[in-house]
Protein backbone atom coordinates (compact mmCIF):
# COMPACT_ATOMS: atom_id res chain seq x y z
CA MET A 1 136.41 -82.43 -20.42
CA ILE A 2 133.66 -84.25 -18.55
CA LEU A 3 134.37 -87.31 -20.52
CA SER A 4 138.19 -87.46 -19.57
CA ARG A 5 137.32 -87.15 -16.44
CA ILE A 6 134.86 -89.60 -16.24
CA ARG A 7 137.51 -91.84 -18.05
CA LYS A 8 140.17 -91.16 -15.55
CA ALA A 9 137.61 -91.95 -12.77
CA LEU A 10 136.33 -95.18 -14.18
CA ALA A 11 140.34 -95.73 -14.88
CA ASP A 12 141.00 -95.19 -11.05
CA GLN A 13 137.73 -96.93 -10.03
CA ASN A 14 136.66 -93.75 -8.31
CA TRP A 15 133.25 -94.39 -8.41
CA LEU A 16 131.87 -91.45 -6.15
CA ALA A 17 133.88 -88.88 -8.57
CA VAL A 18 132.32 -91.16 -11.57
CA GLY A 19 128.85 -90.54 -9.67
CA ILE A 20 129.21 -86.83 -9.27
CA GLU A 21 130.25 -86.78 -13.05
CA PHE A 22 127.50 -88.48 -14.40
CA VAL A 23 124.96 -85.81 -11.85
CA ILE A 24 126.54 -83.15 -12.96
CA VAL A 25 125.66 -84.43 -17.32
CA ILE A 26 122.53 -84.60 -16.10
CA LEU A 27 121.93 -81.74 -14.50
CA GLY A 28 123.00 -80.27 -17.37
CA VAL A 29 120.72 -81.89 -19.72
CA VAL A 30 117.85 -81.31 -17.71
CA ILE A 31 118.92 -77.64 -17.34
CA GLY A 32 119.09 -77.26 -20.97
CA PHE A 33 116.14 -78.78 -22.10
CA GLN A 34 114.32 -76.54 -19.49
CA ILE A 35 115.51 -73.34 -20.68
CA SER A 36 115.01 -74.61 -24.28
CA GLN A 37 111.15 -75.33 -22.76
CA ALA A 38 111.11 -72.01 -21.19
CA GLY A 39 112.30 -70.00 -24.59
CA GLN A 40 109.86 -72.04 -26.83
CA ALA A 41 107.25 -71.23 -24.37
CA ARG A 42 107.81 -67.92 -24.56
CA ALA A 43 108.35 -67.40 -28.15
CA GLU A 44 104.76 -69.05 -28.12
CA ARG A 45 102.98 -66.63 -26.16
CA ALA A 46 104.45 -64.26 -27.86
CA HIS A 47 103.05 -65.09 -31.10
CA ALA A 48 99.76 -65.85 -29.06
CA TYR A 49 99.19 -61.99 -27.61
CA ASP A 50 100.27 -60.99 -31.22
CA ALA A 51 97.76 -62.85 -32.83
CA LEU A 52 95.49 -61.52 -29.93
CA ALA A 53 96.05 -58.03 -31.19
CA ARG A 54 95.20 -58.87 -34.75
CA ILE A 55 92.32 -60.64 -34.02
CA ASP A 56 90.98 -57.29 -31.94
CA LEU A 57 91.63 -55.84 -35.18
CA GLU A 58 89.90 -57.94 -37.27
CA ILE A 59 86.52 -57.56 -34.65
CA ARG A 60 86.71 -54.69 -35.37
CA ASN A 61 86.40 -54.31 -38.82
CA ILE A 62 83.72 -57.58 -38.91
CA MET A 63 81.60 -55.22 -36.28
CA GLY A 64 82.44 -52.85 -38.89
CA ALA A 65 80.65 -54.81 -42.15
CA ARG A 66 78.05 -56.08 -39.80
CA SER A 67 76.63 -52.39 -38.71
CA LEU A 68 76.13 -52.04 -42.43
CA SER A 69 73.62 -54.83 -43.04
CA ARG A 70 72.15 -54.68 -39.37
CA PRO A 71 70.40 -51.75 -39.82
CA ASN A 72 68.55 -53.60 -43.01
CA VAL A 73 67.88 -56.15 -41.32
CA TYR A 74 65.93 -54.67 -38.31
CA ALA A 75 63.97 -52.34 -40.61
CA ARG A 76 62.78 -55.12 -42.56
CA GLU A 77 61.54 -57.51 -39.28
CA GLN A 78 59.70 -54.26 -38.09
CA ALA A 79 57.84 -53.64 -41.73
CA LEU A 80 57.01 -57.32 -41.86
CA ILE A 81 56.03 -56.89 -38.14
CA GLU A 82 53.65 -54.24 -39.19
CA ALA A 83 52.36 -55.92 -42.68
CA ARG A 84 51.59 -59.03 -40.81
CA PRO A 85 48.01 -58.30 -39.10
CA ILE A 86 47.45 -56.00 -42.31
CA ILE A 87 47.50 -59.31 -44.25
CA THR A 88 45.70 -61.09 -41.93
CA GLY A 89 42.86 -59.03 -41.48
CA ASP A 90 43.28 -58.12 -37.86
CA VAL A 91 44.49 -54.66 -38.71
CA ALA A 92 42.42 -52.52 -41.23
CA ALA A 93 44.36 -50.98 -44.13
CA GLU A 94 43.52 -50.44 -47.82
CA ALA A 95 47.53 -51.67 -48.99
CA LEU A 96 50.40 -51.72 -47.56
CA THR A 97 53.03 -49.45 -47.32
CA SER A 98 56.30 -49.46 -50.08
CA ALA A 99 58.54 -50.76 -46.81
CA GLN A 100 55.85 -53.56 -46.44
CA CYS A 101 55.81 -54.75 -49.64
CA ASN A 102 59.37 -54.70 -50.09
CA ALA A 103 59.73 -56.02 -46.59
CA LEU A 104 57.78 -59.39 -47.93
CA ALA A 105 59.43 -59.74 -51.14
CA GLN A 106 62.77 -59.73 -49.49
CA SER A 107 61.74 -61.93 -46.23
CA GLY A 108 63.51 -65.11 -48.19
CA ASP A 109 67.00 -63.92 -48.30
CA LEU A 110 68.65 -65.68 -45.17
CA ASN A 111 72.44 -64.39 -46.35
CA MET A 112 74.77 -64.97 -43.06
CA ALA A 113 76.19 -61.91 -41.70
CA PRO A 114 80.32 -61.69 -41.86
CA ASP A 115 81.28 -63.65 -38.94
CA GLU A 116 84.93 -64.90 -40.20
CA ILE A 117 87.90 -64.23 -37.92
CA PRO A 118 90.88 -65.51 -39.93
CA THR A 119 93.61 -64.69 -37.04
CA LEU A 120 91.08 -66.97 -34.70
CA GLY A 121 90.80 -69.57 -37.02
CA GLU A 122 94.98 -69.57 -37.21
CA ILE A 123 95.06 -70.12 -33.55
CA ILE A 124 92.87 -72.31 -33.09
CA ASP A 125 93.94 -74.97 -35.84
CA THR A 126 97.90 -74.31 -34.91
CA GLY A 127 97.25 -75.14 -31.18
CA ALA A 128 98.22 -71.59 -30.18
CA LEU A 129 95.87 -71.38 -28.21
CA ALA A 130 97.28 -73.39 -25.17
CA ALA A 131 99.85 -70.02 -25.13
CA ILE A 132 96.79 -68.05 -24.22
CA GLU A 133 96.53 -67.64 -20.32
CA ASN A 134 94.14 -65.34 -19.67
CA GLU A 135 90.77 -68.29 -19.33
CA ASP A 136 88.35 -64.92 -19.80
CA VAL A 137 89.75 -64.57 -23.55
CA ARG A 138 90.16 -68.59 -24.06
CA ALA A 139 86.67 -68.87 -22.81
CA SER A 140 84.98 -65.85 -25.34
CA MET A 141 87.44 -67.35 -27.98
CA MET A 142 85.25 -70.96 -27.64
CA ARG A 143 81.85 -69.35 -27.00
CA LEU A 144 82.06 -67.59 -30.10
CA VAL A 145 83.54 -70.31 -32.27
CA ALA A 146 80.39 -72.46 -31.06
CA ARG A 147 77.97 -70.02 -31.58
CA ARG A 148 79.06 -69.03 -34.98
CA GLN A 149 78.80 -72.76 -35.93
CA SER A 150 75.30 -73.42 -34.79
CA VAL A 151 74.24 -69.68 -36.47
CA ARG A 152 75.99 -70.80 -39.81
CA GLU A 153 74.00 -74.32 -39.25
CA TRP A 154 70.52 -72.20 -38.31
CA THR A 155 71.15 -70.51 -41.99
CA ARG A 156 72.03 -73.22 -44.32
CA GLN A 157 68.75 -75.08 -43.01
CA GLU A 158 66.31 -71.63 -43.14
CA VAL A 159 68.22 -70.67 -46.46
CA ALA A 160 66.83 -74.06 -48.11
CA ARG A 161 63.42 -73.59 -46.44
CA ALA A 162 62.46 -69.85 -46.72
CA ASP A 163 60.34 -68.86 -49.80
CA ASP A 164 60.95 -66.22 -52.72
CA LEU A 165 57.59 -64.81 -52.14
CA ALA A 166 57.42 -63.07 -55.80
CA MET A 167 58.67 -66.32 -57.57
CA ARG A 168 56.63 -68.43 -55.95
CA PHE A 169 53.20 -66.20 -55.98
CA PRO A 170 53.97 -63.81 -58.81
CA THR A 171 50.59 -62.86 -59.09
CA LEU A 172 50.68 -61.51 -55.45
CA ILE A 173 53.78 -59.84 -55.28
CA TRP A 174 55.93 -58.96 -57.99
CA HIS A 175 58.81 -56.22 -59.16
CA GLU A 176 58.88 -53.56 -61.52
CA LEU A 177 61.22 -50.60 -63.13
CA ILE A 178 61.07 -47.33 -61.92
CA ALA A 179 63.46 -44.53 -63.18
CA ASP A 180 66.40 -43.78 -61.44
CA PRO A 181 69.17 -41.30 -62.50
CA ASP A 182 71.14 -42.47 -59.68
CA ASP A 183 71.44 -45.70 -60.21
CA ASP A 184 74.11 -47.21 -62.66
CA ASP A 185 71.93 -48.33 -65.34
CA GLY A 186 69.03 -45.71 -64.83
CA TRP A 187 66.74 -48.06 -63.33
CA ASP A 188 65.71 -49.60 -60.28
CA ARG A 189 62.99 -51.89 -58.85
CA ARG A 190 60.27 -51.97 -56.08
CA ALA A 191 58.01 -54.22 -55.25
CA VAL A 192 54.42 -54.25 -55.59
CA CYS A 193 51.80 -56.30 -53.37
CA ASP A 194 48.22 -57.24 -54.27
CA LEU A 195 46.85 -57.15 -50.79
CA ASP A 196 43.10 -58.53 -51.06
CA ALA A 197 44.99 -61.56 -53.23
CA MET A 198 47.10 -62.36 -50.25
CA ARG A 199 44.45 -61.98 -47.75
CA ALA A 200 42.28 -64.49 -50.25
CA SER A 201 45.47 -67.03 -50.30
CA PRO A 202 46.12 -69.55 -47.43
CA GLU A 203 49.30 -70.64 -48.86
CA PHE A 204 50.55 -67.21 -49.34
CA ARG A 205 49.61 -66.63 -45.35
CA ALA A 206 51.63 -69.73 -44.81
CA SER A 207 54.76 -69.05 -46.40
CA MET A 208 54.46 -65.38 -44.76
CA MET A 209 53.96 -66.55 -41.87
CA ARG A 210 57.26 -68.84 -41.93
CA ASN A 211 59.35 -66.08 -43.71
CA TYR A 212 58.54 -63.58 -40.83
CA GLY A 213 59.69 -66.46 -38.38
CA ALA A 214 63.55 -66.79 -39.80
CA VAL A 215 63.36 -63.38 -40.41
CA ARG A 216 62.62 -62.25 -36.51
CA THR A 217 65.24 -65.12 -35.56
CA GLN A 218 67.64 -64.31 -37.88
CA ARG A 219 68.07 -60.46 -36.40
CA SER A 220 68.28 -62.19 -32.75
CA PHE A 221 70.35 -65.20 -33.96
CA VAL A 222 72.46 -64.13 -36.41
CA TYR A 223 73.07 -60.70 -35.47
CA ASP A 224 72.41 -60.13 -31.50
CA PHE A 225 73.71 -63.64 -30.42
CA ILE A 226 76.74 -63.31 -32.46
CA ASP A 227 77.42 -59.28 -31.85
CA GLU A 228 77.40 -60.56 -28.01
CA SER A 229 79.86 -63.01 -28.33
CA LEU A 230 81.99 -60.48 -30.61
CA ASN A 231 81.88 -57.67 -28.08
CA ASN A 232 82.80 -60.50 -25.22
CA LEU A 233 85.90 -61.16 -26.99
CA HIS A 234 87.09 -58.11 -28.01
CA ASP A 235 86.34 -56.25 -24.35
CA ALA A 236 88.38 -59.35 -22.92
CA ILE A 237 91.08 -58.89 -25.41
CA ASP A 238 91.22 -55.20 -24.66
CA ALA A 239 91.41 -56.12 -21.00
CA GLU A 240 94.18 -58.64 -21.82
CA LEU A 241 95.96 -56.35 -23.93
CA GLY A 242 95.41 -52.93 -21.48
CA LEU A 243 93.61 -51.41 -24.35
CA SER A 244 90.22 -49.38 -24.40
CA HIS A 245 87.72 -49.56 -27.35
CA GLU A 246 88.61 -45.56 -27.44
CA GLU A 247 92.13 -46.74 -28.01
CA MET A 248 91.80 -48.81 -30.77
CA GLU A 249 89.42 -46.76 -32.26
CA THR A 250 91.87 -43.83 -33.07
CA ALA A 251 94.76 -46.16 -33.99
CA PRO A 252 96.17 -45.53 -37.20
């Protein structure tokens, strides 16, 4: 219809009518494009905010998983804090406790705590992050990603440097089997430490000190540092979605 009017106006050399029809065509294209863009933006925002709800659930799940291993990490650190001055001879003791000896045997275990949030990686990789308008949420996401990369690199390096003390010093610290009817094969193991030999070995003390420093950093860096970012992102998402932690805890 518009094209027929334009042809007629051209035939009649009615340039004003031609100009008006062209303006109408251009306006129609522009308005249609804007409507399409607005619809796409709404769809992207809807997808992004659906992703936020999924991230909130994933954070709760990962915090639950981290809470299972966190007490062991804290207990190991405390046992090493107590064992260190005994081994260096600054605190008198005839022997290490079972907890202190086990902590020494496990001091080289610096495994990464769970930190993967699949949906967060998805929205960053697909560019959906741009559709999230809340600056607190965006900043919390990027801070978590940056911290996670640092922690993973630290863990990779420290795992390579840490000593398995029972393997490196088998005459100073070793494992023995003990009967345990609750274990699936009826046996468990415990570490045994020769305190006098540990005190007499500068090499052992040096390795113990290195592991001790790594264990302390593991608690503050791998756990506390990332936990802070997880909680900040959780709070930011809950505020954006109008949720509370109590509501999320009771959600099916």
